[in-house]
C-alpha atoms as a PDB file:
ATOM      1  CA  UNK A   1       0.000   0.000   0.000  1.00  0.00           C
ATOM      2  CA  UNK A   2       1.359   3.412  -0.969  1.00  0.00           C
ATOM      3  CA  UNK A   3       1.648   6.205   1.572  1.00  0.00           C
ATOM      4  CA  UNK A   4      -0.985   8.283  -0.245  1.00  0.00           C
ATOM      5  CA  UNK A   5      -3.412   5.346  -0.167  1.00  0.00           C
ATOM      6  CA  UNK A   6      -2.755   4.983   3.558  1.00  0.00           C
ATOM      7  CA  UNK A   7      -3.574   8.667   4.053  1.00  0.00           C
ATOM      8  CA  UNK A   8      -6.818   8.227   2.119  1.00  0.00           C
ATOM      9  CA  UNK A   9      -7.793   5.151   4.154  1.00  0.00           C
ATOM     10  CA  UNK A  10      -7.073   6.931   7.428  1.00  0.00           C
ATOM     11  CA  UNK A  11      -8.949  10.102   6.496  1.00  0.00           C
ATOM     12  CA  UNK A  12     -11.911   8.030   5.258  1.00  0.00           C
ATOM     13  CA  UNK A  13     -12.083   6.145   8.553  1.00  0.00           C
ATOM     14  CA  UNK A  14     -11.827   9.198  10.804  1.00  0.00           C
ATOM     15  CA  UNK A  15     -14.161  11.350   8.709  1.00  0.00           C
ATOM     16  CA  UNK A  16     -16.670   8.479   8.630  1.00  0.00           C
ATOM     17  CA  UNK A  17     -16.638   8.405  12.432  1.00  0.00           C
ATOM     18  CA  UNK A  18     -17.375  12.146  12.521  1.00  0.00           C
ATOM     19  CA  UNK A  19     -20.195  11.712  10.005  1.00  0.00           C
ATOM     20  CA  UNK A  20     -21.740   8.972  12.097  1.00  0.00           C
ATOM     21  CA  UNK A  21     -21.469  11.119  15.228  1.00  0.00           C
ATOM     22  CA  UNK A  22     -23.339  13.922  13.471  1.00  0.00           C
ATOM     23  CA  UNK A  23     -25.941  11.345  12.378  1.00  0.00           C
ATOM     24  CA  UNK A  24     -26.327  10.311  16.026  1.00  0.00           C
ATOM     25  CA  UNK A  25     -26.968  13.931  17.001  1.00  0.00           C
ATOM     26  CA  UNK A  26     -29.641  14.046  14.274  1.00  0.00           C
ATOM     27  CA  UNK A  27     -31.100  10.715  15.532  1.00  0.00           C
ATOM     28  CA  UNK A  28     -31.026   9.019  12.127  1.00  0.00           C
ATOM     29  CA  UNK A  29     -31.562   5.307  11.456  1.00  0.00           C
ATOM     30  CA  UNK A  30     -28.774   2.889  10.537  1.00  0.00           C
ATOM     31  CA  UNK A  31     -29.076   3.579   6.802  1.00  0.00           C
ATOM     32  CA  UNK A  32     -28.891   7.308   7.530  1.00  0.00           C
ATOM     33  CA  UNK A  33     -25.766   6.718   9.599  1.00  0.00           C
ATOM     34  CA  UNK A  34     -24.130   4.851   6.718  1.00  0.00           C
ATOM     35  CA  UNK A  35     -25.133   7.483   4.167  1.00  0.00           C
ATOM     36  CA  UNK A  36     -23.815  10.434   6.185  1.00  0.00           C
ATOM     37  CA  UNK A  37     -20.633   8.562   7.145  1.00  0.00           C
ATOM     38  CA  UNK A  38     -19.877   7.655   3.518  1.00  0.00           C
ATOM     39  CA  UNK A  39     -20.716  11.156   2.277  1.00  0.00           C
ATOM     40  CA  UNK A  40     -18.363  12.686   4.842  1.00  0.00           C
ATOM     41  CA  UNK A  41     -15.643  10.130   4.256  1.00  0.00           C
ATOM     42  CA  UNK A  42     -15.367  10.353   0.476  1.00  0.00           C
ATOM     43  CA  UNK A  43     -16.920  13.752  -0.341  1.00  0.00           C
ATOM     44  CA  UNK A  44     -13.743  15.816  -0.322  1.00  0.00           C
ATOM     45  CA  UNK A  45     -11.655  13.193  -2.107  1.00  0.00           C
ATOM     46  CA  UNK A  46     -14.350  12.782  -4.772  1.00  0.00           C
ATOM     47  CA  UNK A  47     -14.341  16.508  -5.571  1.00  0.00           C
ATOM     48  CA  UNK A  48     -10.520  16.424  -5.647  1.00  0.00           C
ATOM     49  CA  UNK A  49     -10.410  13.531  -8.116  1.00  0.00           C
ATOM     50  CA  UNK A  50     -13.099  15.053 -10.328  1.00  0.00           C
ATOM     51  CA  UNK A  51     -11.309  18.397 -10.501  1.00  0.00           C
ATOM     52  CA  UNK A  52      -7.987  16.720 -11.230  1.00  0.00           C
ATOM     53  CA  UNK A  53      -9.587  14.409 -13.838  1.00  0.00           C
ATOM     54  CA  UNK A  54      -8.200  11.448 -11.885  1.00  0.00           C
ATOM     55  CA  UNK A  55      -9.802   8.185 -12.950  1.00  0.00           C
ATOM     56  CA  UNK A  56     -11.121   6.051 -11.501  1.00  0.00           C
ATOM     57  CA  UNK A  57     -12.214   8.117  -8.519  1.00  0.00           C
ATOM     58  CA  UNK A  58     -10.383   6.669  -5.534  1.00  0.00           C
ATOM     59  CA  UNK A  59     -13.337   4.890  -3.912  1.00  0.00           C
ATOM     60  CA  UNK A  60     -14.683   3.592  -7.246  1.00  0.00           C
ATOM     61  CA  UNK A  61     -11.343   1.960  -7.983  1.00  0.00           C
ATOM     62  CA  UNK A  62     -11.116   0.630  -4.412  1.00  0.00           C
ATOM     63  CA  UNK A  63     -14.606  -0.017  -2.934  1.00  0.00           C
ATOM     64  CA  UNK A  64     -12.922  -0.931   0.360  1.00  0.00           C
ATOM     65  CA  UNK A  65     -13.184   2.758   1.249  1.00  0.00           C
ATOM     66  CA  UNK A  66     -16.995   2.540   1.269  1.00  0.00           C
ATOM     67  CA  UNK A  67     -16.899  -0.666   3.322  1.00  0.00           C
ATOM     68  CA  UNK A  68     -14.639   0.979   5.904  1.00  0.00           C
ATOM     69  CA  UNK A  69     -16.921   4.021   6.151  1.00  0.00           C
ATOM     70  CA  UNK A  70     -19.989   1.797   6.507  1.00  0.00           C
ATOM     71  CA  UNK A  71     -18.320  -0.279   9.214  1.00  0.00           C
ATOM     72  CA  UNK A  72     -17.469   2.909  11.088  1.00  0.00           C
ATOM     73  CA  UNK A  73     -21.105   4.008  10.850  1.00  0.00           C
ATOM     74  CA  UNK A  74     -22.358   0.700  12.268  1.00  0.00           C
ATOM     75  CA  UNK A  75     -19.830   0.914  15.108  1.00  0.00           C
ATOM     76  CA  UNK A  76     -20.928   4.423  16.078  1.00  0.00           C
ATOM     77  CA  UNK A  77     -24.627   3.504  15.760  1.00  0.00           C
ATOM     78  CA  UNK A  78     -24.252   0.947  18.552  1.00  0.00           C
ATOM     79  CA  UNK A  79     -21.767   2.832  20.743  1.00  0.00           C
ATOM     80  CA  UNK A  80     -22.496   6.579  20.445  1.00  0.00           C
ATOM     81  CA  UNK A  81     -24.795   6.521  23.478  1.00  0.00           C
ATOM     82  CA  UNK A  82     -21.802   5.635  25.665  1.00  0.00           C
ATOM     83  CA  UNK A  83     -20.043   8.938  24.876  1.00  0.00           C
ATOM     84  CA  UNK A  84     -20.788  11.670  27.390  1.00  0.00           C
ATOM     85  CA  UNK A  85     -20.074  14.602  25.048  1.00  0.00           C
ATOM     86  CA  UNK A  86     -20.461  13.579  21.433  1.00  0.00           C
ATOM     87  CA  UNK A  87     -19.862  17.119  20.186  1.00  0.00           C
ATOM     88  CA  UNK A  88     -16.456  17.381  21.861  1.00  0.00           C
ATOM     89  CA  UNK A  89     -15.481  14.000  20.433  1.00  0.00           C
ATOM     90  CA  UNK A  90     -16.772  15.116  17.040  1.00  0.00           C
ATOM     91  CA  UNK A  91     -14.732  18.307  16.813  1.00  0.00           C
ATOM     92  CA  UNK A  92     -11.500  16.645  17.966  1.00  0.00           C
ATOM     93  CA  UNK A  93     -11.902  13.683  15.614  1.00  0.00           C
ATOM     94  CA  UNK A  94     -12.693  16.154  12.863  1.00  0.00           C
ATOM     95  CA  UNK A  95      -9.463  18.041  13.585  1.00  0.00           C
ATOM     96  CA  UNK A  96      -7.438  14.867  13.022  1.00  0.00           C
ATOM     97  CA  UNK A  97      -9.425  13.996   9.899  1.00  0.00           C
ATOM     98  CA  UNK A  98      -8.869  17.503   8.527  1.00  0.00           C
ATOM     99  CA  UNK A  99      -5.101  17.300   8.919  1.00  0.00           C
ATOM    100  CA  UNK A 100      -4.888  13.827   7.367  1.00  0.00           C
ATOM    101  CA  UNK A 101      -7.186  14.679   4.469  1.00  0.00           C
ATOM    102  CA  UNK A 102      -5.306  17.896   3.682  1.00  0.00           C
ATOM    103  CA  UNK A 103      -2.100  15.855   3.474  1.00  0.00           C
ATOM    104  CA  UNK A 104      -3.814  13.282   1.252  1.00  0.00           C
ATOM    105  CA  UNK A 105      -5.182  15.873  -1.171  1.00  0.00           C
ATOM    106  CA  UNK A 106      -1.920  17.786  -1.273  1.00  0.00           C
ATOM    107  CA  UNK A 107       0.032  14.590  -1.904  1.00  0.00           C
ATOM    108  CA  UNK A 108      -2.173  13.513  -4.792  1.00  0.00           C
ATOM    109  CA  UNK A 109      -1.873  16.909  -6.483  1.00  0.00           C
ATOM    110  CA  UNK A 110       1.910  16.931  -5.995  1.00  0.00           C
ATOM    111  CA  UNK A 111       2.210  13.436  -7.470  1.00  0.00           C
ATOM    112  CA  UNK A 112       0.255  14.569 -10.526  1.00  0.00           C
ATOM    113  CA  UNK A 113       2.649  17.490 -11.024  1.00  0.00           C
ATOM    114  CA  UNK A 114       0.112  20.257 -10.423  1.00  0.00           C
ATOM    115  CA  UNK A 115       1.309  23.853  -9.887  1.00  0.00           C
ATOM    116  CA  UNK A 116       1.545  25.136  -6.297  1.00  0.00           C
ATOM    117  CA  UNK A 117      -1.761  27.045  -6.303  1.00  0.00           C
ATOM    118  CA  UNK A 118      -3.680  23.956  -7.450  1.00  0.00           C
ATOM    119  CA  UNK A 119      -1.842  21.768  -4.935  1.00  0.00           C
ATOM    120  CA  UNK A 120      -2.935  24.053  -2.102  1.00  0.00           C
ATOM    121  CA  UNK A 121      -6.527  24.215  -3.367  1.00  0.00           C
ATOM    122  CA  UNK A 122      -6.739  20.432  -3.686  1.00  0.00           C
ATOM    123  CA  UNK A 123      -5.467  20.020  -0.141  1.00  0.00           C
ATOM    124  CA  UNK A 124      -8.078  22.444   1.120  1.00  0.00           C
ATOM    125  CA  UNK A 125     -10.883  20.834  -0.900  1.00  0.00           C
ATOM    126  CA  UNK A 126     -10.046  17.327   0.271  1.00  0.00           C
ATOM    127  CA  UNK A 127      -9.919  18.453   3.882  1.00  0.00           C
ATOM    128  CA  UNK A 128     -12.967  20.707   4.032  1.00  0.00           C
ATOM    129  CA  UNK A 129     -15.672  19.618   1.607  1.00  0.00           C
ATOM    130  CA  UNK A 130     -16.625  16.265   3.138  1.00  0.00           C
ATOM    131  CA  UNK A 131     -17.303  17.856   6.507  1.00  0.00           C
ATOM    132  CA  UNK A 132     -19.191  20.699   4.849  1.00  0.00           C
ATOM    133  CA  UNK A 133     -21.460  18.204   3.049  1.00  0.00           C
ATOM    134  CA  UNK A 134     -21.995  16.308   6.319  1.00  0.00           C
ATOM    135  CA  UNK A 135     -23.088  19.369   8.256  1.00  0.00           C
ATOM    136  CA  UNK A 136     -25.337  20.747   5.511  1.00  0.00           C
ATOM    137  CA  UNK A 137     -27.148  17.413   5.025  1.00  0.00           C
ATOM    138  CA  UNK A 138     -27.680  17.041   8.807  1.00  0.00           C
ATOM    139  CA  UNK A 139     -28.776  20.677   9.223  1.00  0.00           C
ATOM    140  CA  UNK A 140     -25.860  21.546  11.492  1.00  0.00           C
ATOM    141  CA  UNK A 141     -23.953  24.815  11.416  1.00  0.00           C
ATOM    142  CA  UNK A 142     -20.939  23.830   9.265  1.00  0.00           C
ATOM    143  CA  UNK A 143     -17.718  23.646  11.250  1.00  0.00           C
ATOM    144  CA  UNK A 144     -15.958  25.326   8.338  1.00  0.00           C
ATOM    145  CA  UNK A 145     -18.141  28.415   8.873  1.00  0.00           C
ATOM    146  CA  UNK A 146     -18.171  28.656  12.669  1.00  0.00           C
ATOM    147  CA  UNK A 147     -17.734  32.328  13.490  1.00  0.00           C
ATOM    148  CA  UNK A 148     -14.102  33.213  14.032  1.00  0.00           C
ATOM    149  CA  UNK A 149     -12.871  29.604  14.370  1.00  0.00           C
ATOM    150  CA  UNK A 150      -9.823  28.482  12.444  1.00  0.00           C
ATOM    151  CA  UNK A 151     -10.777  25.755   9.976  1.00  0.00           C
ATOM    152  CA  UNK A 152     -10.341  26.522   6.296  1.00  0.00           C
ATOM    153  CA  UNK A 153      -7.340  28.644   7.251  1.00  0.00           C
ATOM    154  CA  UNK A 154      -5.837  25.553   8.941  1.00  0.00           C
ATOM    155  CA  UNK A 155      -6.237  23.583   5.723  1.00  0.00           C
ATOM    156  CA  UNK A 156      -4.715  26.456   3.746  1.00  0.00           C
ATOM    157  CA  UNK A 157      -1.754  26.664   6.109  1.00  0.00           C
ATOM    158  CA  UNK A 158      -1.152  22.914   6.109  1.00  0.00           C
ATOM    159  CA  UNK A 159      -1.176  22.645   2.325  1.00  0.00           C
ATOM    160  CA  UNK A 160       0.970  25.770   1.947  1.00  0.00           C
ATOM    161  CA  UNK A 161       3.564  24.470   4.437  1.00  0.00           C
ATOM    162  CA  UNK A 162       3.824  21.248   2.426  1.00  0.00           C
ATOM    163  CA  UNK A 163       4.288  23.105  -0.857  1.00  0.00           C
ATOM    164  CA  UNK A 164       6.886  25.389   0.685  1.00  0.00           C
ATOM    165  CA  UNK A 165       8.777  22.465   2.217  1.00  0.00           C
ATOM    166  CA  UNK A 166       8.854  20.596  -1.104  1.00  0.00           C
ATOM    167  CA  UNK A 167      10.038  23.720  -2.904  1.00  0.00           C
ATOM    168  CA  UNK A 168      12.943  23.897  -0.437  1.00  0.00           C
ATOM    169  CA  UNK A 169      14.026  20.370  -1.298  1.00  0.00           C
ATOM    170  CA  UNK A 170      12.387  18.404   1.516  1.00  0.00           C
ATOM    171  CA  UNK A 171      11.220  14.931   0.345  1.00  0.00           C
ATOM    172  CA  UNK A 172       7.488  14.588  -0.164  1.00  0.00           C
ATOM    173  CA  UNK A 173       6.783  12.242   2.756  1.00  0.00           C
ATOM    174  CA  UNK A 174       8.231  14.436   5.542  1.00  0.00           C
ATOM    175  CA  UNK A 175       6.813  17.520   3.803  1.00  0.00           C
ATOM    176  CA  UNK A 176       3.316  16.019   3.972  1.00  0.00           C
ATOM    177  CA  UNK A 177       3.830  15.108   7.635  1.00  0.00           C
ATOM    178  CA  UNK A 178       4.977  18.658   8.376  1.00  0.00           C
ATOM    179  CA  UNK A 179       1.945  20.127   6.618  1.00  0.00           C
ATOM    180  CA  UNK A 180      -0.440  17.822   8.467  1.00  0.00           C
ATOM    181  CA  UNK A 181       1.165  18.771  11.776  1.00  0.00           C
ATOM    182  CA  UNK A 182       0.857  22.484  11.012  1.00  0.00           C
ATOM    183  CA  UNK A 183      -2.800  22.052  10.057  1.00  0.00           C
ATOM    184  CA  UNK A 184      -3.655  20.084  13.193  1.00  0.00           C
ATOM    185  CA  UNK A 185      -1.760  22.380  15.563  1.00  0.00           C
ATOM    186  CA  UNK A 186      -3.651  25.416  14.285  1.00  0.00           C
ATOM    187  CA  UNK A 187      -7.001  23.632  14.532  1.00  0.00           C
ATOM    188  CA  UNK A 188      -6.197  22.281  17.991  1.00  0.00           C
ATOM    189  CA  UNK A 189      -5.143  25.753  19.102  1.00  0.00           C
ATOM    190  CA  UNK A 190      -8.458  27.123  17.897  1.00  0.00           C
ATOM    191  CA  UNK A 191     -10.357  24.484  19.883  1.00  0.00           C
ATOM    192  CA  UNK A 192      -8.202  24.527  23.008  1.00  0.00           C
ATOM    193  CA  UNK A 193      -7.080  28.149  23.304  1.00  0.00           C
ATOM    194  CA  UNK A 194      -9.803  29.885  21.314  1.00  0.00           C
ATOM    195  CA  UNK A 195      -7.535  31.152  18.526  1.00  0.00           C
ATOM    196  CA  UNK A 196      -9.610  33.101  16.039  1.00  0.00           C
ATOM    197  CA  UNK A 197      -9.371  35.257  12.962  1.00  0.00           C
ATOM    198  CA  UNK A 198     -10.914  38.722  13.009  1.00  0.00           C
ATOM    199  CA  UNK A 199     -14.553  38.659  11.950  1.00  0.00           C
ATOM    200  CA  UNK A 200     -16.416  41.313  10.015  1.00  0.00           C
ATOM    201  CA  UNK A 201     -18.605  43.613  12.115  1.00  0.00           C
ATOM    202  CA  UNK A 202     -21.122  45.811  10.392  1.00  0.00           C
ATOM    203  CA  UNK A 203     -21.062  49.524  11.079  1.00  0.00           C
ATOM    204  CA  UNK A 204     -23.714  52.138  10.412  1.00  0.00           C
ATOM    205  CA  UNK A 205     -23.098  54.081   7.213  1.00  0.00           C
ATOM    206  CA  UNK A 206     -21.413  57.442   7.529  1.00  0.00           C
ATOM    207  CA  UNK A 207     -23.744  60.377   7.455  1.00  0.00           C
END
């Protein structure tokens, strides 16, 4: 198994767990759990592969991804009630999934020889879009749009760090690890210490 495939498998598993946790908060049935888990798990990677014209799409070529996401959904369906704070578990699992998925998307784009801007955008898309789909479908406020929280900016930073490290001659594997670490540290700082970006505040028009 290649390192990029391992990243995809790991991000699929962790994102599927977050999707199933959101499904538990929405009190869906088992089929709903599986649907939301699979949508979350493969949504970002699907958009990435479509934009990069990468065929077959990763989970079509390897249906094991869907089986892993479904298994994660079944697991959460029978165990979610044991978790005291499902939202806290959700946001921390999501932070790990974000970092891993950003590395996966960035790595795929680098392997395909894409220019730096596209590499960064593919990392961000892979990391953010699955969770966005999950929250919209389950009528939750999307984590990517939580007021002031660092999320998309974490994905941007992680992908940019990887591109910068590669441009300075660092091999791809440690560069991806460095980018994932940067992404997760920023997201964890936002959750733990309340790091935020400035938000727009409307002002009355000048007279």
